[in-house]
Amino acid sequence: MAESQKCLDLRHGNTHFKDEITQAAGGETLTRCFACGICTGCCPVSEIDNRFRPSSIIQMVLLGQKEDLLKSDLIWYCWQSLSCSFHCQQGVKFASILRDLR
């Protein structure tokens, strides 16, 4: 089954969202992510529900999609296993970032 993709109008993104997250504890690691997918590959939630992809959530923050992200149930799917943070070779603290989003 093909995954549908939507086109983003980046002119309407929240340009301060990334700054809000990077100010919080652990958020300073946000911009290290280059969406390699290691976090998603080791995530126990992603194994069960392929809609939950840590790297995609980080990209939404970087693109200023605050409203869409905070309305989404996805930020509540995380079990805080810390597997993503442990395996990330860039040192992104996804679990901390997600706690800030909640």
Protein backbone atom coordinates (compact mmCIF):
# COMPACT_ATOMS: atom_id res chain seq x y z
CA MET A 1 0.00 0.00 0.00
CA ALA A 2 1.42 3.35 -0.99
CA GLU A 3 1.71 6.00 1.69
CA SER A 4 0.02 9.26 0.84
CA GLN A 5 2.13 12.37 1.06
CA LYS A 6 0.98 15.90 1.64
CA CYS A 7 2.60 19.03 0.35
CA LEU A 8 3.72 21.45 3.05
CA ASP A 9 3.43 25.17 2.69
CA LEU A 10 6.49 26.22 4.68
CA ARG A 11 5.48 29.86 4.53
CA HIS A 12 2.95 29.17 7.28
CA GLY A 13 5.23 27.24 9.64
CA ASN A 14 5.97 28.49 13.12
CA THR A 15 9.52 29.78 12.75
CA HIS A 16 9.99 30.00 16.53
CA PHE A 17 8.92 26.41 17.30
CA LYS A 18 12.42 25.00 16.84
CA ASP A 19 13.80 27.69 19.14
CA GLU A 20 11.22 26.88 21.82
CA ILE A 21 12.23 23.23 21.82
CA THR A 22 16.00 23.85 21.71
CA GLN A 23 15.70 26.03 24.83
CA ALA A 24 14.37 23.11 26.91
CA ALA A 25 16.49 20.41 28.56
CA GLY A 26 17.66 17.94 25.91
CA GLY A 27 16.30 20.14 23.14
CA GLU A 28 19.73 21.51 22.34
CA THR A 29 20.38 18.21 20.51
CA LEU A 30 17.43 18.69 18.12
CA THR A 31 19.38 20.13 15.19
CA ARG A 32 21.86 17.25 15.19
CA CYS A 33 19.23 15.00 13.58
CA PHE A 34 19.68 14.29 9.90
CA ALA A 35 16.81 11.77 9.67
CA CYS A 36 18.93 8.64 9.29
CA GLY A 37 16.13 6.54 10.82
CA ILE A 38 18.15 4.64 13.44
CA CYS A 39 15.75 5.90 16.13
CA THR A 40 12.76 4.57 14.23
CA GLY A 41 14.46 1.25 13.53
CA CYS A 42 15.09 0.53 17.20
CA CYS A 43 11.83 1.97 18.57
CA PRO A 44 9.47 -0.63 20.08
CA VAL A 45 6.45 1.58 19.32
CA SER A 46 7.44 1.89 15.64
CA GLU A 47 7.46 -1.92 15.40
CA ILE A 48 3.80 -1.96 16.43
CA ASP A 49 2.57 1.22 14.74
CA ASN A 50 4.45 2.43 11.67
CA ARG A 51 2.86 5.88 11.95
CA PHE A 52 5.17 6.61 14.90
CA ARG A 53 8.57 7.63 13.52
CA PRO A 54 10.80 9.65 15.86
CA SER A 55 12.79 11.14 12.98
CA SER A 56 9.58 12.39 11.34
CA ILE A 57 8.51 14.06 14.57
CA ILE A 58 11.86 15.85 14.75
CA GLN A 59 11.50 16.96 11.14
CA MET A 60 8.06 18.38 11.95
CA VAL A 61 9.62 20.46 14.73
CA LEU A 62 12.39 21.66 12.42
CA LEU A 63 9.84 22.61 9.75
CA GLY A 64 7.75 24.59 12.24
CA GLN A 65 4.69 22.33 12.15
CA LYS A 66 3.80 23.12 15.75
CA GLU A 67 0.04 23.10 15.39
CA ASP A 68 -0.09 19.82 13.46
CA LEU A 69 2.33 18.12 15.80
CA LEU A 70 0.76 19.22 19.06
CA LYS A 71 -2.71 18.22 17.83
CA SER A 72 -1.44 14.79 16.86
CA ASP A 73 -1.89 11.76 19.10
CA LEU A 74 1.53 10.53 17.98
CA ILE A 75 3.40 12.45 20.66
CA TRP A 76 1.58 10.33 23.25
CA TYR A 77 2.51 6.95 21.69
CA CYS A 78 6.09 6.98 22.99
CA TRP A 79 6.80 4.58 25.88
CA GLN A 80 10.00 6.44 26.88
CA SER A 81 12.09 3.27 26.48
CA LEU A 82 15.05 5.58 25.64
CA SER A 83 16.14 3.15 22.93
CA CYS A 84 16.16 5.98 20.37
CA SER A 85 18.37 8.19 22.50
CA PHE A 86 20.72 5.31 23.28
CA HIS A 87 21.19 4.28 19.65
CA CYS A 88 21.35 7.74 18.07
CA GLN A 89 24.88 8.24 16.75
CA GLN A 90 24.34 12.01 16.66
CA GLY A 91 23.37 12.18 20.34
CA VAL A 92 19.83 13.44 19.75
CA LYS A 93 17.84 13.10 22.97
CA PHE A 94 14.51 12.30 21.37
CA ALA A 95 12.87 11.13 24.60
CA SER A 96 13.66 14.49 26.23
CA ILE A 97 12.43 16.41 23.20
CA LEU A 98 9.19 14.44 23.20
CA ARG A 99 8.63 15.15 26.90
CA ASP A 100 8.97 18.85 26.07
CA LEU A 101 6.40 18.52 23.28
CA ARG A 102 3.91 16.91 25.62
